[in-house]
Amino acid sequence: LVYRARIFACDPQQELRLGMPVTVNIDTAKGGASD
């Protein structure tokens, strides 16, 4: 069992395309430093 997550990305040059495989690294040592 897994939980679906949505990771927002900053892509001002529009280089990421729909369906492109992406590796996401989340620094869990940092709290909710959303700003």
Full PDB file with SEQRES, HELIX, SHEET, SSBOND, CRYST1, ORIGX, SCALE, CONECT and MASTER records, all heavy atoms in Angstrom:
SEQRES   1 A   35  LEU VAL TYR ARG ALA ARG ILE PHE ALA CYS ASP PRO GLN          
SEQRES   2 A   35  GLN GLU LEU ARG LEU GLY MET PRO VAL THR VAL ASN ILE          
SEQRES   3 A   35  ASP THR ALA LYS GLY GLY ALA SER ASP                          
CRYST1    1.000    1.000    1.000  90.00  90.00  90.00 P 1           1          
ORIGX1      1.000000  0.000000  0.000000        0.00000                         
ORIGX2      0.000000  1.000000  0.000000        0.00000                         
ORIGX3      0.000000  0.000000  1.000000        0.00000                         
SCALE1      1.000000  0.000000  0.000000        0.00000                         
SCALE2      0.000000  1.000000  0.000000        0.00000                         
SCALE3      0.000000  0.000000  1.000000        0.00000                         
ATOM      1  N   LEU A   1       0.830  -1.193   0.000  1.00  0.00           N  
ATOM      2  CA  LEU A   1       0.000   0.000   0.000  1.00  0.00           C  
ATOM      3  C   LEU A   1       0.870   1.251   0.000  1.00  0.00           C  
ATOM      4  O   LEU A   1       1.869   1.330   0.715  1.00  0.00           O  
ATOM      5  CB  LEU A   1      -0.917   0.010   1.224  1.00  0.00           C  
ATOM      6  CG  LEU A   1      -2.022  -1.040   1.235  1.00  0.00           C  
ATOM      7  CD1 LEU A   1      -2.793  -0.951   2.540  1.00  0.00           C  
ATOM      8  CD2 LEU A   1      -2.946  -0.858   0.049  1.00  0.00           C  
ATOM      9  N   VAL A   2       0.458   2.229  -0.811  1.00  0.00           N  
ATOM     10  CA  VAL A   2       1.168   3.505  -0.898  1.00  0.00           C  
ATOM     11  C   VAL A   2       0.155   4.632  -0.810  1.00  0.00           C  
ATOM     12  O   VAL A   2      -1.052   4.428  -0.919  1.00  0.00           O  
ATOM     13  CB  VAL A   2       1.969   3.618  -2.225  1.00  0.00           C  
ATOM     14  CG1 VAL A   2       3.102   2.615  -2.257  1.00  0.00           C  
ATOM     15  CG2 VAL A   2       1.028   3.440  -3.413  1.00  0.00           C  
ATOM     16  N   TYR A   3       0.682   5.847  -0.647  1.00  0.00           N  
ATOM     17  CA  TYR A   3      -0.156   7.044  -0.563  1.00  0.00           C  
ATOM     18  C   TYR A   3       0.278   8.014  -1.660  1.00  0.00           C  
ATOM     19  O   TYR A   3       1.461   8.321  -1.803  1.00  0.00           O  
ATOM     20  CB  TYR A   3      -0.015   7.708   0.812  1.00  0.00           C  
ATOM     21  CG  TYR A   3      -0.599   6.879   1.927  1.00  0.00           C  
ATOM     22  CD1 TYR A   3       0.119   5.828   2.480  1.00  0.00           C  
ATOM     23  CD2 TYR A   3      -1.878   7.145   2.412  1.00  0.00           C  
ATOM     24  CE1 TYR A   3      -0.419   5.058   3.504  1.00  0.00           C  
ATOM     25  CE2 TYR A   3      -2.415   6.383   3.433  1.00  0.00           C  
ATOM     26  CZ  TYR A   3      -1.688   5.340   3.971  1.00  0.00           C  
ATOM     27  OH  TYR A   3      -2.231   4.587   4.970  1.00  0.00           O  
ATOM     28  N   ARG A   4      -0.690   8.433  -2.418  1.00  0.00           N  
ATOM     29  CA  ARG A   4      -0.399   9.334  -3.537  1.00  0.00           C  
ATOM     30  C   ARG A   4      -0.002  10.708  -3.008  1.00  0.00           C  
ATOM     31  O   ARG A   4      -0.635  11.252  -2.115  1.00  0.00           O  
ATOM     32  CB  ARG A   4      -1.625   9.455  -4.445  1.00  0.00           C  
ATOM     33  CG  ARG A   4      -1.443  10.365  -5.636  1.00  0.00           C  
ATOM     34  CD  ARG A   4      -2.592  10.168  -6.628  1.00  0.00           C  
ATOM     35  NE  ARG A   4      -3.880  10.219  -5.956  1.00  0.00           N  
ATOM     36  CZ  ARG A   4      -4.568  11.348  -5.783  1.00  0.00           C  
ATOM     37  NH1 ARG A   4      -4.087  12.499  -6.236  1.00  0.00           N  
ATOM     38  NH2 ARG A   4      -5.741  11.312  -5.187  1.00  0.00           N  
ATOM     39  N   ALA A   5       1.035  11.280  -3.608  1.00  0.00           N  
ATOM     40  CA  ALA A   5       1.519  12.604  -3.209  1.00  0.00           C  
ATOM     41  C   ALA A   5       1.659  13.479  -4.443  1.00  0.00           C  
ATOM     42  O   ALA A   5       1.859  12.991  -5.561  1.00  0.00           O  
ATOM     43  CB  ALA A   5       2.862  12.504  -2.487  1.00  0.00           C  
ATOM     44  N   ARG A   6       1.551  14.760  -4.221  1.00  0.00           N  
ATOM     45  CA  ARG A   6       1.693  15.746  -5.295  1.00  0.00           C  
ATOM     46  C   ARG A   6       2.825  16.692  -4.903  1.00  0.00           C  
ATOM     47  O   ARG A   6       2.729  17.392  -3.898  1.00  0.00           O  
ATOM     48  CB  ARG A   6       0.387  16.500  -5.492  1.00  0.00           C  
ATOM     49  CG  ARG A   6       0.412  17.535  -6.598  1.00  0.00           C  
ATOM     50  CD  ARG A   6      -0.946  18.207  -6.716  1.00  0.00           C  
ATOM     51  NE  ARG A   6      -1.990  17.261  -7.080  1.00  0.00           N  
ATOM     52  CZ  ARG A   6      -3.285  17.521  -6.997  1.00  0.00           C  
ATOM     53  NH1 ARG A   6      -3.692  18.690  -6.526  1.00  0.00           N  
ATOM     54  NH2 ARG A   6      -4.175  16.610  -7.351  1.00  0.00           N  
ATOM     55  N   ILE A   7       3.863  16.682  -5.702  1.00  0.00           N  
ATOM     56  CA  ILE A   7       5.008  17.544  -5.448  1.00  0.00           C  
ATOM     57  C   ILE A   7       5.024  18.632  -6.508  1.00  0.00           C  
ATOM     58  O   ILE A   7       5.206  18.358  -7.698  1.00  0.00           O  
ATOM     59  CB  ILE A   7       6.332  16.748  -5.474  1.00  0.00           C  
ATOM     60  CG1 ILE A   7       6.386  15.757  -4.306  1.00  0.00           C  
ATOM     61  CG2 ILE A   7       7.517  17.699  -5.379  1.00  0.00           C  
ATOM     62  CD1 ILE A   7       5.775  14.426  -4.600  1.00  0.00           C  
ATOM     63  N   PHE A   8       4.796  19.857  -6.086  1.00  0.00           N  
ATOM     64  CA  PHE A   8       4.788  20.978  -7.008  1.00  0.00           C  
ATOM     65  C   PHE A   8       6.212  21.300  -7.446  1.00  0.00           C  
ATOM     66  O   PHE A   8       7.166  21.187  -6.655  1.00  0.00           O  
ATOM     67  CB  PHE A   8       4.144  22.203  -6.368  1.00  0.00           C  
ATOM     68  CG  PHE A   8       2.660  22.065  -6.194  1.00  0.00           C  
ATOM     69  CD1 PHE A   8       2.117  21.625  -5.004  1.00  0.00           C  
ATOM     70  CD2 PHE A   8       1.811  22.353  -7.248  1.00  0.00           C  
ATOM     71  CE1 PHE A   8       0.748  21.481  -4.849  1.00  0.00           C  
ATOM     72  CE2 PHE A   8       0.441  22.215  -7.103  1.00  0.00           C  
ATOM     73  CZ  PHE A   8      -0.090  21.775  -5.911  1.00  0.00           C  
ATOM     74  N   ALA A   9       6.363  21.715  -8.699  1.00  0.00           N  
ATOM     75  CA  ALA A   9       7.678  21.974  -9.271  1.00  0.00           C  
ATOM     76  C   ALA A   9       7.747  23.379  -9.834  1.00  0.00           C  
ATOM     77  O   ALA A   9       6.755  23.916 -10.351  1.00  0.00           O  
ATOM     78  CB  ALA A   9       7.982  20.961 -10.376  1.00  0.00           C  
ATOM     79  N   CYS A  10       8.927  23.966  -9.741  1.00  0.00           N  
ATOM     80  CA  CYS A  10       9.206  25.271 -10.347  1.00  0.00           C  
ATOM     81  C   CYS A  10       9.923  25.032 -11.670  1.00  0.00           C  
ATOM     82  O   CYS A  10      11.060  24.528 -11.678  1.00  0.00           O  
ATOM     83  CB  CYS A  10      10.068  26.117  -9.421  1.00  0.00           C  
ATOM     84  SG  CYS A  10       9.333  26.403  -7.789  1.00  0.00           S  
ATOM     85  N   ASP A  11       9.276  25.366 -12.746  1.00  0.00           N  
ATOM     86  CA  ASP A  11       9.845  25.122 -14.075  1.00  0.00           C  
ATOM     87  C   ASP A  11       9.584  26.326 -14.963  1.00  0.00           C  
ATOM     88  O   ASP A  11       8.736  26.284 -15.862  1.00  0.00           O  
ATOM     89  CB  ASP A  11       9.222  23.855 -14.672  1.00  0.00           C  
ATOM     90  CG  ASP A  11       9.794  23.502 -16.034  1.00  0.00           C  
ATOM     91  OD1 ASP A  11      10.932  23.916 -16.315  1.00  0.00           O  
ATOM     92  OD2 ASP A  11       9.092  22.830 -16.815  1.00  0.00           O  
ATOM     93  N   PRO A  12      10.279  27.441 -14.741  1.00  0.00           N  
ATOM     94  CA  PRO A  12      10.000  28.657 -15.522  1.00  0.00           C  
ATOM     95  C   PRO A  12      10.317  28.513 -17.004  1.00  0.00           C  
ATOM     96  O   PRO A  12       9.723  29.194 -17.827  1.00  0.00           O  
ATOM     97  CB  PRO A  12      10.892  29.713 -14.853  1.00  0.00           C  
ATOM     98  CG  PRO A  12      11.972  28.937 -14.168  1.00  0.00           C  
ATOM     99  CD  PRO A  12      11.344  27.647 -13.749  1.00  0.00           C  
ATOM    100  N   GLN A  13      11.248  27.629 -17.363  1.00  0.00           N  
ATOM    101  CA  GLN A  13      11.600  27.453 -18.783  1.00  0.00           C  
ATOM    102  C   GLN A  13      10.708  26.437 -19.490  1.00  0.00           C  
ATOM    103  O   GLN A  13      10.907  26.155 -20.676  1.00  0.00           O  
ATOM    104  CB  GLN A  13      13.070  27.005 -18.919  1.00  0.00           C  
ATOM    105  CG  GLN A  13      14.084  28.111 -18.715  1.00  0.00           C  
ATOM    106  CD  GLN A  13      14.257  28.466 -17.243  1.00  0.00           C  
ATOM    107  OE1 GLN A  13      14.143  27.588 -16.378  1.00  0.00           O  
ATOM    108  NE2 GLN A  13      14.526  29.716 -16.950  1.00  0.00           N  
ATOM    109  N   GLN A  14       9.778  25.841 -18.772  1.00  0.00           N  
ATOM    110  CA  GLN A  14       8.850  24.861 -19.344  1.00  0.00           C  
ATOM    111  C   GLN A  14       9.609  23.702 -19.983  1.00  0.00           C  
ATOM    112  O   GLN A  14       9.355  23.288 -21.118  1.00  0.00           O  
ATOM    113  CB  GLN A  14       7.934  25.536 -20.378  1.00  0.00           C  
ATOM    114  CG  GLN A  14       7.133  26.691 -19.844  1.00  0.00           C  
ATOM    115  CD  GLN A  14       6.212  26.278 -18.709  1.00  0.00           C  
ATOM    116  OE1 GLN A  14       5.579  25.238 -18.778  1.00  0.00           O  
ATOM    117  NE2 GLN A  14       6.163  27.069 -17.666  1.00  0.00           N  
ATOM    118  N   GLU A  15      10.521  23.130 -19.219  1.00  0.00           N  
ATOM    119  CA  GLU A  15      11.318  22.009 -19.711  1.00  0.00           C  
ATOM    120  C   GLU A  15      10.714  20.664 -19.349  1.00  0.00           C  
ATOM    121  O   GLU A  15      10.996  19.657 -19.994  1.00  0.00           O  
ATOM    122  CB  GLU A  15      12.742  22.103 -19.151  1.00  0.00           C  
ATOM    123  CG  GLU A  15      13.495  23.346 -19.625  1.00  0.00           C  
ATOM    124  CD  GLU A  15      14.808  23.547 -18.910  1.00  0.00           C  
ATOM    125  OE1 GLU A  15      14.965  22.997 -17.796  1.00  0.00           O  
ATOM    126  OE2 GLU A  15      15.668  24.252 -19.453  1.00  0.00           O  
ATOM    127  N   LEU A  16       9.912  20.614 -18.326  1.00  0.00           N  
ATOM    128  CA  LEU A  16       9.273  19.369 -17.919  1.00  0.00           C  
ATOM    129  C   LEU A  16       8.003  19.155 -18.727  1.00  0.00           C  
ATOM    130  O   LEU A  16       7.161  20.042 -18.834  1.00  0.00           O  
ATOM    131  CB  LEU A  16       8.948  19.408 -16.419  1.00  0.00           C  
ATOM    132  CG  LEU A  16      10.144  19.555 -15.478  1.00  0.00           C  
ATOM    133  CD1 LEU A  16       9.673  19.648 -14.036  1.00  0.00           C  
ATOM    134  CD2 LEU A  16      11.108  18.388 -15.647  1.00  0.00           C  
ATOM    135  N   ARG A  17       7.866  17.979 -19.290  1.00  0.00           N  
ATOM    136  CA  ARG A  17       6.735  17.660 -20.153  1.00  0.00           C  
ATOM    137  C   ARG A  17       5.804  16.662 -19.466  1.00  0.00           C  
ATOM    138  O   ARG A  17       6.203  15.938 -18.551  1.00  0.00           O  
ATOM    139  CB  ARG A  17       7.233  17.067 -21.478  1.00  0.00           C  
ATOM    140  CG  ARG A  17       8.168  17.988 -22.244  1.00  0.00           C  
ATOM    141  CD  ARG A  17       7.459  19.235 -22.717  1.00  0.00           C  
ATOM    142  NE  ARG A  17       8.341  20.112 -23.467  1.00  0.00           N  
ATOM    143  CZ  ARG A  17       7.960  21.262 -24.013  1.00  0.00           C  
ATOM    144  NH1 ARG A  17       6.706  21.664 -23.868  1.00  0.00           N  
ATOM    145  NH2 ARG A  17       8.815  22.005 -24.668  1.00  0.00           N  
ATOM    146  N   LEU A  18       4.598  16.620 -19.956  1.00  0.00           N  
ATOM    147  CA  LEU A  18       3.591  15.738 -19.384  1.00  0.00           C  
ATOM    148  C   LEU A  18       4.025  14.288 -19.510  1.00  0.00           C  
ATOM    149  O   LEU A  18       4.415  13.826 -20.583  1.00  0.00           O  
ATOM    150  CB  LEU A  18       2.253  15.953 -20.088  1.00  0.00           C  
ATOM    151  CG  LEU A  18       1.100  15.068 -19.641  1.00  0.00           C  
ATOM    152  CD1 LEU A  18       0.760  15.340 -18.191  1.00  0.00           C  
ATOM    153  CD2 LEU A  18      -0.115  15.281 -20.524  1.00  0.00           C  
ATOM    154  N   GLY A  19       3.976  13.555 -18.390  1.00  0.00           N  
ATOM    155  CA  GLY A  19       4.327  12.145 -18.374  1.00  0.00           C  
ATOM    156  C   GLY A  19       5.801  11.854 -18.201  1.00  0.00           C  
ATOM    157  O   GLY A  19       6.192  10.679 -18.119  1.00  0.00           O  
ATOM    158  N   MET A  20       6.649  12.868 -18.160  1.00  0.00           N  
ATOM    159  CA  MET A  20       8.093  12.654 -18.052  1.00  0.00           C  
ATOM    160  C   MET A  20       8.430  12.024 -16.702  1.00  0.00           C  
ATOM    161  O   MET A  20       7.993  12.511 -15.666  1.00  0.00           O  
ATOM    162  CB  MET A  20       8.815  13.995 -18.228  1.00  0.00           C  
ATOM    163  CG  MET A  20      10.324  13.893 -18.152  1.00  0.00           C  
ATOM    164  SD  MET A  20      11.091  15.531 -18.307  1.00  0.00           S  
ATOM    165  CE  MET A  20      10.688  15.919 -20.017  1.00  0.00           C  
ATOM    166  N   PRO A  21       9.254  10.948 -16.674  1.00  0.00           N  
ATOM    167  CA  PRO A  21       9.677  10.372 -15.389  1.00  0.00           C  
ATOM    168  C   PRO A  21      10.584  11.334 -14.641  1.00  0.00           C  
ATOM    169  O   PRO A  21      11.477  11.949 -15.223  1.00  0.00           O  
ATOM    170  CB  PRO A  21      10.427   9.097 -15.799  1.00  0.00           C  
ATOM    171  CG  PRO A  21      10.006   8.829 -17.204  1.00  0.00           C  
ATOM    172  CD  PRO A  21       9.716  10.152 -17.818  1.00  0.00           C  
ATOM    173  N   VAL A  22      10.355  11.453 -13.350  1.00  0.00           N  
ATOM    174  CA  VAL A  22      11.103  12.398 -12.525  1.00  0.00           C  
ATOM    175  C   VAL A  22      11.478  11.714 -11.217  1.00  0.00           C  
ATOM    176  O   VAL A  22      10.687  10.942 -10.658  1.00  0.00           O  
ATOM    177  CB  VAL A  22      10.271  13.673 -12.246  1.00  0.00           C  
ATOM    178  CG1 VAL A  22      11.010  14.594 -11.283  1.00  0.00           C  
ATOM    179  CG2 VAL A  22       9.967  14.403 -13.531  1.00  0.00           C  
ATOM    180  N   THR A  23      12.693  11.998 -10.748  1.00  0.00           N  
ATOM    181  CA  THR A  23      13.136  11.544  -9.440  1.00  0.00           C  
ATOM    182  C   THR A  23      13.019  12.696  -8.459  1.00  0.00           C  
ATOM    183  O   THR A  23      13.488  13.805  -8.728  1.00  0.00           O  
ATOM    184  CB  THR A  23      14.590  11.056  -9.495  1.00  0.00           C  
ATOM    185  OG1 THR A  23      14.698   9.989 -10.441  1.00  0.00           O  
ATOM    186  CG2 THR A  23      15.043  10.561  -8.124  1.00  0.00           C  
ATOM    187  N   VAL A  24      12.381  12.435  -7.327  1.00  0.00           N  
ATOM    188  CA  VAL A  24      12.120  13.465  -6.328  1.00  0.00           C  
ATOM    189  C   VAL A  24      12.892  13.125  -5.063  1.00  0.00           C  
ATOM    190  O   VAL A  24      12.781  12.006  -4.542  1.00  0.00           O  
ATOM    191  CB  VAL A  24      10.616  13.571  -6.012  1.00  0.00           C  
ATOM    192  CG1 VAL A  24      10.362  14.659  -4.982  1.00  0.00           C  
ATOM    193  CG2 VAL A  24       9.827  13.836  -7.284  1.00  0.00           C  
ATOM    194  N   ASN A  25      13.663  14.067  -4.586  1.00  0.00           N  
ATOM    195  CA  ASN A  25      14.381  13.922  -3.323  1.00  0.00           C  
ATOM    196  C   ASN A  25      13.800  14.914  -2.322  1.00  0.00           C  
ATOM    197  O   ASN A  25      13.826  16.122  -2.554  1.00  0.00           O  
ATOM    198  CB  ASN A  25      15.874  14.184  -3.511  1.00  0.00           C  
ATOM    199  CG  ASN A  25      16.539  13.116  -4.365  1.00  0.00           C  
ATOM    200  OD1 ASN A  25      16.240  11.934  -4.236  1.00  0.00           O  
ATOM    201  ND2 ASN A  25      17.436  13.528  -5.262  1.00  0.00           N  
ATOM    202  N   ILE A  26      13.296  14.381  -1.228  1.00  0.00           N  
ATOM    203  CA  ILE A  26      12.692  15.202  -0.184  1.00  0.00           C  
ATOM    204  C   ILE A  26      13.597  15.147   1.041  1.00  0.00           C  
ATOM    205  O   ILE A  26      13.938  14.066   1.531  1.00  0.00           O  
ATOM    206  CB  ILE A  26      11.285  14.702   0.176  1.00  0.00           C  
ATOM    207  CG1 ILE A  26      10.384  14.707  -1.064  1.00  0.00           C  
ATOM    208  CG2 ILE A  26      10.671  15.566   1.273  1.00  0.00           C  
ATOM    209  CD1 ILE A  26       9.023  14.111  -0.814  1.00  0.00           C  
ATOM    210  N   ASP A  27      13.989  16.313   1.510  1.00  0.00           N  
ATOM    211  CA  ASP A  27      14.819  16.403   2.703  1.00  0.00           C  
ATOM    212  C   ASP A  27      13.903  16.360   3.920  1.00  0.00           C  
ATOM    213  O   ASP A  27      13.348  17.372   4.334  1.00  0.00           O  
ATOM    214  CB  ASP A  27      15.647  17.684   2.683  1.00  0.00           C  
ATOM    215  CG  ASP A  27      16.692  17.708   3.791  1.00  0.00           C  
ATOM    216  OD1 ASP A  27      16.708  16.759   4.608  1.00  0.00           O  
ATOM    217  OD2 ASP A  27      17.484  18.663   3.839  1.00  0.00           O  
ATOM    218  N   THR A  28      13.755  15.172   4.476  1.00  0.00           N  
ATOM    219  CA  THR A  28      12.840  15.009   5.608  1.00  0.00           C  
ATOM    220  C   THR A  28      13.392  15.608   6.893  1.00  0.00           C  
ATOM    221  O   THR A  28      12.659  15.728   7.885  1.00  0.00           O  
ATOM    222  CB  THR A  28      12.540  13.524   5.830  1.00  0.00           C  
ATOM    223  OG1 THR A  28      13.772  12.821   6.069  1.00  0.00           O  
ATOM    224  CG2 THR A  28      11.844  12.929   4.617  1.00  0.00           C  
ATOM    225  N   ALA A  29      14.701  15.979   6.876  1.00  0.00           N  
ATOM    226  CA  ALA A  29      15.259  16.610   8.071  1.00  0.00           C  
ATOM    227  C   ALA A  29      14.732  18.012   8.263  1.00  0.00           C  
ATOM    228  O   ALA A  29      14.700  18.541   9.376  1.00  0.00           O  
ATOM    229  CB  ALA A  29      16.794  16.635   7.987  1.00  0.00           C  
ATOM    230  N   LYS A  30      14.313  18.636   7.160  1.00  0.00           N  
ATOM    231  CA  LYS A  30      13.739  19.973   7.241  1.00  0.00           C  
ATOM    232  C   LYS A  30      12.243  19.848   7.455  1.00  0.00           C  
ATOM    233  O   LYS A  30      11.582  19.050   6.784  1.00  0.00           O  
ATOM    234  CB  LYS A  30      14.033  20.761   5.965  1.00  0.00           C  
ATOM    235  CG  LYS A  30      15.520  21.017   5.743  1.00  0.00           C  
ATOM    236  CD  LYS A  30      15.733  21.837   4.487  1.00  0.00           C  
ATOM    237  CE  LYS A  30      17.222  22.106   4.251  1.00  0.00           C  
ATOM    238  NZ  LYS A  30      17.457  22.903   3.042  1.00  0.00           N  
ATOM    239  N   GLY A  31      11.753  20.644   8.364  1.00  0.00           N  
ATOM    240  CA  GLY A  31      10.320  20.591   8.654  1.00  0.00           C  
ATOM    241  C   GLY A  31       9.505  21.178   7.536  1.00  0.00           C  
ATOM    242  O   GLY A  31       9.913  21.208   6.371  1.00  0.00           O  
ATOM    243  N   GLY A  32       8.356  21.660   7.860  1.00  0.00           N  
ATOM    244  CA  GLY A  32       7.470  22.228   6.854  1.00  0.00           C  
ATOM    245  C   GLY A  32       7.903  23.621   6.429  1.00  0.00           C  
ATOM    246  O   GLY A  32       7.160  24.576   6.581  1.00  0.00           O  
ATOM    247  N   ALA A  33       9.137  23.726   5.946  1.00  0.00           N  
ATOM    248  CA  ALA A  33       9.657  25.034   5.506  1.00  0.00           C  
ATOM    249  C   ALA A  33       9.102  25.333   4.132  1.00  0.00           C  
ATOM    250  O   ALA A  33       9.815  25.371   3.139  1.00  0.00           O  
ATOM    251  CB  ALA A  33      11.183  25.026   5.502  1.00  0.00           C  
ATOM    252  N   SER A  34       7.796  25.508   4.079  1.00  0.00           N  
ATOM    253  CA  SER A  34       7.137  25.664   2.779  1.00  0.00           C  
ATOM    254  C   SER A  34       7.486  26.967   2.111  1.00  0.00           C  
ATOM    255  O   SER A  34       7.557  27.056   0.896  1.00  0.00           O  
ATOM    256  CB  SER A  34       5.627  25.535   2.944  1.00  0.00           C  
ATOM    257  OG  SER A  34       5.151  26.523   3.850  1.00  0.00           O  
ATOM    258  N   ASP A  35       7.697  28.021   2.894  1.00  0.00           N  
ATOM    259  CA  ASP A  35       7.955  29.308   2.277  1.00  0.00           C  
ATOM    260  C   ASP A  35       9.269  29.305   1.511  1.00  0.00           C  
ATOM    261  O   ASP A  35       9.400  29.967   0.476  1.00  0.00           O  
ATOM    262  CB  ASP A  35       8.002  30.406   3.364  1.00  0.00           C  
ATOM    263  CG  ASP A  35       6.634  30.610   3.988  1.00  0.00           C  
ATOM    264  OD1 ASP A  35       5.649  30.241   3.323  1.00  0.00           O  
ATOM    265  OD2 ASP A  35       6.571  31.114   5.121  1.00  0.00           O  
TER     266      ASP A  35                                                      
MASTER        0    0    0    0    0    0    0    6  265    1    0    3          
END                                                                             
